[in-house]
Amino acid sequence: MQSTYLVVMAGGIGSRFWPFSRTQHPKQFHDVMGVGRSMLQLTVDRFRGICPPENVFVVTNRDYVALVQQHLPDLPADQILGEPIGRNTAPCIAYASYRIAQRDPQATIIVSPADHAVLREEEFRRLIQEAVAAARQHEVLLTLGIQPSRPDTGYGYIQYMDTEGHRLPGFNLYKVKTFTEKPNLELARMFLESGDFLWNSGLFVWRAATIIEAFHRSLNDIAEVFEEGKHELGTPREAASIDGAYARCRNISIDFGIMEKADNVYVLPADIGWSDLGTWDSLHRVGQPDAARNVIDGDVILYDTQDCIIKTPHERLVVVQGLEGYIVAEYDNVLLICQRSEEQRVKDFVADVKAKKGTGYN
């Protein structure tokens, strides 16, 4: 446990969750589930007993460092890694991995997004502990793959080889064959029917030395940047060093940059009640519906309304009549009323609002 580290990626904006998720207050800092804890807090809670508090690191945009401190007041300031600019997940993971490796060369690292939901937490912990044990014993890059329940086009898919010969010895982990980014509906249906595809959770486990070696093999330009400045990590010169590093890093995801190219990637199939909570519809799926299949968070009275998701401030009474299949979402100075079937247009709404009304609403 002492050499197990958690890296929480908490820098995204989550614009598909607008108006709840905003540039100044993204969804990871909201109580999206209506349980009195923000997504960031729930994420860190989930790993209690798996790694000690002194081994928890949060990577976020520097604009959100104060928010992280507010939500995780017991987390020391030097365990919050502020990125000067967003460069996607590969530079984020490189930064955290080099920082941790400087402190503990034997570290095993779990990388988790800050804004995902997990309903079966005990099973989740069991699987993570299995993945950590496997990563300690083998030079592998591990990811959790979610058992798909529908042909969803919003997730990436992992194809794995479900045979004993492709299984990591002693573990329920299988060699990955292919990664596929968000397929069309026909392809998603084929994946589901084949039985050998899982949703890509974006949650990873590996030894620090293993992922750093993978950067050298597949993203050597990023590896060189962090190699040059690694001795400044954990010192007063860290911020200036990271400024220079990020200015030289390209914008690239860990999936595209490393996972899709590496030959030592294994997946652990998981059935944990998972959702990336990337959209309003995903919140409807994991919420607690009433008899009319409405998911409600707020002071709401409904009449003749079904299949809706309604999330409004608790200090405001909201009365809704005659809606079917709608999103009703209010936060701060924005009220959104949109058909659930049209929620993919939310990003367009945000862009239009920014163009017509300025930046005060996004």
Protein backbone atom coordinates (compact mmCIF):
# COMPACT_ATOMS: atom_id res chain seq x y z
CA MET A 1 0.00 0.00 0.00
CA GLN A 2 2.82 2.42 0.82
CA SER A 3 4.08 2.41 -2.79
CA THR A 4 0.59 2.71 -4.30
CA TYR A 5 -0.23 6.18 -5.63
CA LEU A 6 -3.39 7.75 -6.97
CA VAL A 7 -3.40 10.38 -9.71
CA VAL A 8 -6.76 12.11 -10.19
CA MET A 9 -7.14 14.01 -13.47
CA ALA A 10 -9.34 17.01 -12.65
CA GLY A 11 -8.63 19.59 -15.33
CA GLY A 12 -11.49 19.22 -17.82
CA ILE A 13 -14.45 21.53 -18.34
CA GLY A 14 -17.18 18.99 -19.23
CA SER A 15 -19.00 21.32 -21.62
CA ARG A 16 -21.60 18.68 -22.59
CA PHE A 17 -22.93 19.03 -19.04
CA TRP A 18 -23.69 22.74 -19.48
CA PRO A 19 -25.07 24.83 -17.85
CA PHE A 20 -24.17 22.88 -14.72
CA SER A 21 -20.54 22.47 -15.77
CA ARG A 22 -18.96 25.84 -16.56
CA THR A 23 -15.45 27.08 -17.31
CA GLN A 24 -15.16 28.67 -13.85
CA HIS A 25 -16.78 25.72 -12.05
CA PRO A 26 -16.52 22.41 -13.96
CA LYS A 27 -18.61 19.35 -13.14
CA GLN A 28 -15.92 17.62 -11.06
CA PHE A 29 -16.51 20.32 -8.42
CA HIS A 30 -20.30 19.81 -8.37
CA ASP A 31 -22.50 17.44 -6.41
CA VAL A 32 -23.71 15.86 -9.65
CA MET A 33 -25.15 12.77 -7.93
CA GLY A 34 -27.10 14.76 -5.34
CA VAL A 35 -25.39 12.99 -2.41
CA GLY A 36 -23.70 15.94 -0.73
CA ARG A 37 -20.23 15.23 -2.18
CA SER A 38 -18.64 16.59 -5.35
CA MET A 39 -17.43 14.23 -8.08
CA LEU A 40 -13.83 14.99 -7.07
CA GLN A 41 -14.56 14.17 -3.44
CA LEU A 42 -16.35 10.94 -4.38
CA THR A 43 -13.40 9.92 -6.57
CA VAL A 44 -10.87 10.35 -3.77
CA ASP A 45 -13.25 8.65 -1.28
CA ARG A 46 -13.39 5.63 -3.58
CA PHE A 47 -9.69 4.88 -3.09
CA ARG A 48 -9.61 4.96 0.71
CA GLY A 49 -7.83 1.87 1.94
CA ILE A 50 -6.16 1.37 -1.45
CA CYS A 51 -3.54 4.09 -1.17
CA PRO A 52 -2.66 6.36 1.78
CA PRO A 53 -3.66 10.06 1.75
CA GLU A 54 -0.04 11.18 1.39
CA ASN A 55 0.10 9.33 -1.95
CA VAL A 56 -2.91 11.07 -3.52
CA PHE A 57 -2.12 13.59 -6.28
CA VAL A 58 -4.57 15.74 -8.21
CA VAL A 59 -3.60 17.18 -11.60
CA THR A 60 -5.69 20.16 -12.60
CA ASN A 61 -5.54 23.47 -14.41
CA ARG A 62 -3.87 26.14 -12.29
CA ASP A 63 -7.14 28.09 -12.43
CA TYR A 64 -8.76 25.29 -10.42
CA VAL A 65 -6.10 24.78 -7.73
CA ALA A 66 -8.07 26.82 -5.21
CA LEU A 67 -11.22 24.81 -5.99
CA VAL A 68 -9.30 21.55 -5.41
CA GLN A 69 -8.06 22.90 -2.07
CA GLN A 70 -11.62 23.88 -1.14
CA HIS A 71 -12.99 20.42 -1.95
CA LEU A 72 -10.03 18.47 -0.53
CA PRO A 73 -8.88 20.63 2.40
CA ASP A 74 -6.73 17.84 3.89
CA LEU A 75 -4.71 17.43 0.68
CA PRO A 76 -1.31 19.15 1.01
CA ALA A 77 -0.67 21.90 -1.54
CA ASP A 78 2.36 20.11 -3.00
CA GLN A 79 0.10 17.17 -3.96
CA ILE A 80 -1.95 19.41 -6.28
CA LEU A 81 -0.17 19.62 -9.63
CA GLY A 82 -1.24 22.71 -11.57
CA GLU A 83 -1.04 22.61 -15.35
CA PRO A 84 -0.42 26.00 -17.00
CA ILE A 85 -2.49 24.99 -20.04
CA GLY A 86 -4.55 21.96 -21.06
CA ARG A 87 -2.63 19.52 -23.23
CA ASN A 88 -4.89 16.44 -22.99
CA THR A 89 -4.15 13.33 -20.94
CA ALA A 90 -0.65 12.31 -22.13
CA PRO A 91 1.26 15.36 -20.79
CA CYS A 92 -0.93 15.32 -17.66
CA ILE A 93 0.00 11.69 -16.95
CA ALA A 94 3.66 12.29 -17.83
CA TYR A 95 3.84 15.18 -15.35
CA ALA A 96 2.33 13.15 -12.52
CA SER A 97 4.35 10.01 -13.33
CA TYR A 98 7.69 11.83 -13.37
CA ARG A 99 6.78 13.72 -10.19
CA ILE A 100 5.91 10.50 -8.36
CA ALA A 101 8.92 8.60 -9.75
CA GLN A 102 11.23 11.28 -8.35
CA ARG A 103 9.78 10.58 -4.91
CA ASP A 104 9.38 6.81 -5.17
CA PRO A 105 11.01 4.93 -8.08
CA GLN A 106 9.12 1.75 -7.07
CA ALA A 107 5.72 3.43 -7.22
CA THR A 108 2.64 1.77 -8.68
CA ILE A 109 0.26 4.41 -10.01
CA ILE A 110 -3.52 4.38 -10.44
CA VAL A 111 -4.79 7.08 -12.82
CA SER A 112 -8.46 8.04 -12.52
CA PRO A 113 -10.66 10.75 -14.04
CA ALA A 114 -12.25 13.00 -11.41
CA ASP A 115 -15.79 12.97 -12.78
CA HIS A 116 -16.90 9.35 -13.22
CA ALA A 117 -19.59 7.50 -11.29
CA VAL A 118 -19.12 4.03 -9.78
CA LEU A 119 -22.17 2.49 -8.11
CA ARG A 120 -20.63 -0.86 -7.06
CA GLU A 121 -17.75 0.47 -5.01
CA GLU A 122 -16.75 -2.72 -3.18
CA GLU A 123 -16.37 -4.59 -6.47
CA PHE A 124 -14.47 -1.60 -7.84
CA ARG A 125 -11.99 -1.73 -4.95
CA ARG A 126 -11.50 -5.47 -5.38
CA LEU A 127 -10.69 -5.04 -9.06
CA ILE A 128 -8.32 -2.12 -8.45
CA GLN A 129 -6.42 -4.13 -5.87
CA GLU A 130 -6.11 -6.99 -8.38
CA ALA A 131 -4.84 -4.56 -11.02
CA VAL A 132 -2.30 -3.06 -8.61
CA ALA A 133 -1.00 -6.52 -7.71
CA ALA A 134 -0.68 -7.41 -11.41
CA ALA A 135 1.11 -4.16 -12.27
CA ARG A 136 3.62 -4.76 -9.48
CA GLN A 137 4.47 -8.22 -10.80
CA HIS A 138 4.46 -7.60 -14.57
CA GLU A 139 5.75 -4.94 -16.97
CA VAL A 140 2.27 -4.12 -18.24
CA LEU A 141 -0.04 -1.18 -18.87
CA LEU A 142 -3.45 -1.99 -17.39
CA THR A 143 -6.85 -0.47 -17.96
CA LEU A 144 -10.30 -1.20 -16.59
CA GLY A 145 -12.77 -2.21 -19.31
CA ILE A 146 -16.47 -1.85 -18.57
CA GLN A 147 -18.91 -4.57 -19.55
CA PRO A 148 -21.16 -2.79 -22.09
CA SER A 149 -24.90 -2.82 -21.49
CA ARG A 150 -25.98 -1.16 -24.75
CA PRO A 151 -24.50 -0.14 -28.12
CA ASP A 152 -23.43 3.31 -26.90
CA THR A 153 -21.74 5.55 -29.48
CA GLY A 154 -20.38 7.94 -26.85
CA TYR A 155 -17.70 5.61 -25.50
CA GLY A 156 -14.45 4.22 -26.84
CA TYR A 157 -14.24 0.42 -27.11
CA ILE A 158 -11.50 -2.07 -26.24
CA GLN A 159 -11.32 -5.41 -28.03
CA TYR A 160 -9.57 -8.09 -25.98
CA MET A 161 -8.49 -11.68 -26.55
CA ASP A 162 -10.53 -13.83 -24.18
CA THR A 163 -8.42 -16.98 -24.24
CA GLU A 164 -6.16 -18.57 -21.65
CA GLY A 165 -3.10 -17.99 -23.84
CA HIS A 166 -3.71 -14.25 -23.81
CA ARG A 167 -4.38 -14.02 -20.09
CA LEU A 168 -1.88 -12.48 -17.71
CA PRO A 169 -0.65 -15.39 -15.56
CA GLY A 170 -2.41 -15.49 -12.21
CA PHE A 171 -4.84 -12.68 -12.99
CA ASN A 172 -8.17 -12.08 -14.71
CA LEU A 173 -6.53 -9.71 -17.18
CA TYR A 174 -6.55 -10.17 -20.95
CA LYS A 175 -4.33 -8.84 -23.70
CA VAL A 176 -5.81 -5.95 -25.62
CA LYS A 177 -6.16 -6.38 -29.37
CA THR A 178 -7.55 -3.02 -30.54
CA PHE A 179 -8.87 0.33 -29.34
CA THR A 180 -11.73 1.97 -31.27
CA GLU A 181 -12.82 5.55 -30.66
CA LYS A 182 -16.57 6.30 -30.47
CA PRO A 183 -18.01 4.09 -33.26
CA ASN A 184 -21.21 4.65 -35.21
CA LEU A 185 -24.34 2.85 -34.04
CA GLU A 186 -24.05 -0.09 -36.46
CA LEU A 187 -20.45 -0.76 -35.41
CA ALA A 188 -21.36 -0.37 -31.73
CA ARG A 189 -24.08 -3.00 -32.16
CA MET A 190 -21.57 -5.38 -33.78
CA PHE A 191 -19.15 -4.82 -30.89
CA LEU A 192 -21.86 -5.60 -28.35
CA GLU A 193 -22.96 -8.76 -30.15
CA SER A 194 -19.40 -10.09 -30.52
CA GLY A 195 -18.92 -10.26 -26.76
CA ASP A 196 -15.21 -9.42 -26.90
CA PHE A 197 -15.45 -5.62 -26.61
CA LEU A 198 -15.52 -3.50 -23.47
CA TRP A 199 -16.07 0.20 -22.91
CA ASN A 200 -12.88 2.17 -22.35
CA SER A 201 -13.12 3.57 -18.79
CA GLY A 202 -10.07 5.83 -19.01
CA LEU A 203 -8.81 4.38 -15.71
CA PHE A 204 -5.26 2.98 -15.73
CA VAL A 205 -2.84 1.12 -13.46
CA TRP A 206 0.92 0.72 -14.03
CA ARG A 207 4.28 1.05 -12.38
CA ALA A 208 5.89 4.46 -12.70
CA ALA A 209 8.90 2.92 -14.43
CA THR A 210 6.67 1.05 -16.91
CA ILE A 211 4.70 4.10 -18.05
CA ILE A 212 7.84 6.25 -18.28
CA GLU A 213 9.43 3.59 -20.48
CA ALA A 214 6.27 3.62 -22.63
CA PHE A 215 6.60 7.39 -23.05
CA HIS A 216 10.18 6.90 -24.24
CA ARG A 217 9.03 4.31 -26.79
CA SER A 218 5.89 5.98 -28.14
CA LEU A 219 5.98 9.67 -27.17
CA ASN A 220 9.70 10.32 -26.93
CA ASP A 221 9.27 14.06 -27.54
CA ILE A 222 7.17 14.35 -24.36
CA ALA A 223 9.50 12.01 -22.44
CA GLU A 224 12.52 14.16 -23.34
CA VAL A 225 10.77 17.31 -22.10
CA PHE A 226 10.09 15.81 -18.68
CA GLU A 227 13.46 14.06 -18.47
CA GLU A 228 15.17 17.44 -18.83
CA GLY A 229 13.25 18.95 -15.94
CA LYS A 230 12.72 15.96 -13.66
CA HIS A 231 15.26 17.07 -11.04
CA GLU A 232 13.33 20.33 -10.59
CA LEU A 233 10.09 18.51 -9.72
CA GLY A 234 9.27 18.80 -6.04
CA THR A 235 11.47 21.90 -5.69
CA PRO A 236 10.65 25.65 -5.75
CA ARG A 237 11.60 25.61 -9.46
CA GLU A 238 8.84 23.15 -10.39
CA ALA A 239 6.25 25.68 -11.62
CA ALA A 240 8.70 27.44 -13.95
CA SER A 241 9.96 24.09 -15.24
CA ILE A 242 6.41 22.89 -15.95
CA ASP A 243 5.63 26.16 -17.78
CA GLY A 244 8.48 25.43 -20.15
CA ALA A 245 7.58 21.76 -20.47
CA TYR A 246 3.95 22.38 -21.38
CA ALA A 247 4.90 25.03 -23.92
CA ARG A 248 6.80 22.28 -25.76
CA CYS A 249 4.27 19.44 -25.33
CA ARG A 250 1.76 18.65 -28.06
CA ASN A 251 -1.91 18.09 -27.33
CA ILE A 252 -2.38 14.31 -27.35
CA SER A 253 -4.31 11.70 -25.37
CA ILE A 254 -2.71 8.78 -23.56
CA ASP A 255 -4.94 6.40 -25.55
CA PHE A 256 -3.81 7.66 -28.93
CA GLY A 257 -0.22 8.37 -27.93
CA ILE A 258 0.61 5.20 -26.00
CA MET A 259 -2.17 2.69 -25.33
CA GLU A 260 -3.09 2.10 -28.98
CA LYS A 261 0.57 1.47 -29.89
CA ALA A 262 1.93 -0.52 -26.96
CA ASP A 263 2.14 -4.33 -27.07
CA ASN A 264 1.96 -4.82 -23.29
CA VAL A 265 -1.57 -3.50 -22.69
CA TYR A 266 -4.00 -5.67 -20.70
CA VAL A 267 -7.60 -5.05 -19.70
CA LEU A 268 -9.48 -6.09 -16.58
CA PRO A 269 -13.19 -6.63 -17.36
CA ALA A 270 -15.34 -4.80 -14.81
CA ASP A 271 -19.02 -4.69 -13.97
CA ILE A 272 -19.11 -1.85 -11.44
CA GLY A 273 -22.11 0.33 -12.29
CA TRP A 274 -19.87 2.78 -14.13
CA SER A 275 -20.65 5.93 -16.07
CA ASP A 276 -18.38 8.70 -17.27
CA LEU A 277 -21.24 11.15 -16.57
CA GLY A 278 -20.31 12.97 -19.75
CA THR A 279 -23.87 13.94 -20.66
CA TRP A 280 -27.23 14.68 -19.10
CA ASP A 281 -28.56 11.38 -20.42
CA SER A 282 -25.79 9.49 -18.61
CA LEU A 283 -26.90 11.13 -15.35
CA HIS A 284 -30.45 9.96 -16.04
CA ARG A 285 -29.16 6.40 -16.41
CA VAL A 286 -27.37 6.30 -13.06
CA GLY A 287 -29.97 8.35 -11.15
CA GLN A 288 -32.85 7.09 -9.03
CA PRO A 289 -35.97 7.42 -11.23
CA ASP A 290 -39.46 7.93 -9.87
CA ALA A 291 -42.48 5.95 -11.02
CA ALA A 292 -42.68 8.07 -14.20
CA ARG A 293 -38.96 7.55 -14.94
CA ASN A 294 -38.02 11.10 -13.97
CA VAL A 295 -34.69 11.75 -12.25
CA ILE A 296 -34.97 14.82 -10.03
CA ASP A 297 -32.51 16.85 -7.98
CA GLY A 298 -34.15 19.99 -6.60
CA ASP A 299 -37.35 21.30 -5.08
CA VAL A 300 -39.66 20.14 -7.87
CA ILE A 301 -43.38 19.41 -8.27
CA LEU A 302 -44.35 17.49 -11.42
CA TYR A 303 -47.62 17.04 -13.29
CA ASP A 304 -48.10 14.78 -16.33
CA THR A 305 -44.31 14.58 -16.78
CA GLN A 306 -42.19 11.53 -17.58
CA ASP A 307 -38.74 10.43 -18.76
CA CYS A 308 -37.21 13.77 -17.76
CA ILE A 309 -34.09 14.78 -15.90
CA ILE A 310 -34.53 17.89 -13.77
CA LYS A 311 -31.67 19.43 -11.81
CA THR A 312 -32.39 22.84 -10.30
CA PRO A 313 -31.29 24.91 -7.27
CA HIS A 314 -32.83 23.59 -4.05
CA GLU A 315 -33.71 27.12 -2.93
CA ARG A 316 -36.01 27.58 -5.95
CA LEU A 317 -39.36 25.83 -6.30
CA VAL A 318 -39.85 24.48 -9.83
CA VAL A 319 -43.24 23.32 -11.16
CA VAL A 320 -43.26 21.33 -14.41
CA GLN A 321 -46.31 20.17 -16.36
CA GLY A 322 -46.67 18.18 -19.55
CA LEU A 323 -43.07 17.39 -20.47
CA GLU A 324 -41.87 14.04 -21.81
CA GLY A 325 -38.21 13.25 -22.43
CA TYR A 326 -36.73 16.63 -21.51
CA ILE A 327 -33.72 18.04 -19.69
CA VAL A 328 -34.53 20.93 -17.35
CA ALA A 329 -31.29 22.22 -15.83
CA GLU A 330 -30.60 25.47 -14.04
CA TYR A 331 -27.33 26.70 -12.59
CA ASP A 332 -26.28 30.23 -11.72
CA ASN A 333 -27.52 32.52 -14.52
CA VAL A 334 -28.57 29.90 -17.09
CA LEU A 335 -31.69 27.76 -17.50
CA LEU A 336 -31.59 24.99 -20.12
CA ILE A 337 -34.72 23.26 -21.42
CA CYS A 338 -33.85 20.73 -24.09
CA GLN A 339 -35.17 17.43 -25.43
CA ARG A 340 -33.09 14.52 -24.13
CA SER A 341 -32.89 13.17 -27.67
CA GLU A 342 -31.21 16.44 -28.76
CA GLU A 343 -28.64 16.72 -25.98
CA GLN A 344 -25.75 16.32 -28.44
CA ARG A 345 -26.55 19.89 -29.45
CA VAL A 346 -25.57 21.26 -26.03
CA LYS A 347 -22.03 21.98 -27.26
CA ASP A 348 -23.56 23.98 -30.12
CA PHE A 349 -25.69 25.90 -27.62
CA VAL A 350 -22.57 26.78 -25.62
CA ALA A 351 -20.77 28.00 -28.73
CA ASP A 352 -23.75 30.10 -29.83
CA VAL A 353 -24.18 31.60 -26.38
CA LYS A 354 -20.51 32.54 -26.26
CA ALA A 355 -20.75 34.17 -29.71
CA LYS A 356 -23.98 36.08 -28.96
CA LYS A 357 -23.73 36.80 -25.23
CA GLY A 358 -20.02 36.73 -24.41
CA THR A 359 -18.13 34.53 -21.99
CA GLY A 360 -20.27 35.09 -18.90
CA TYR A 361 -22.45 32.07 -19.58
CA ASN A 362 -19.98 29.32 -20.52
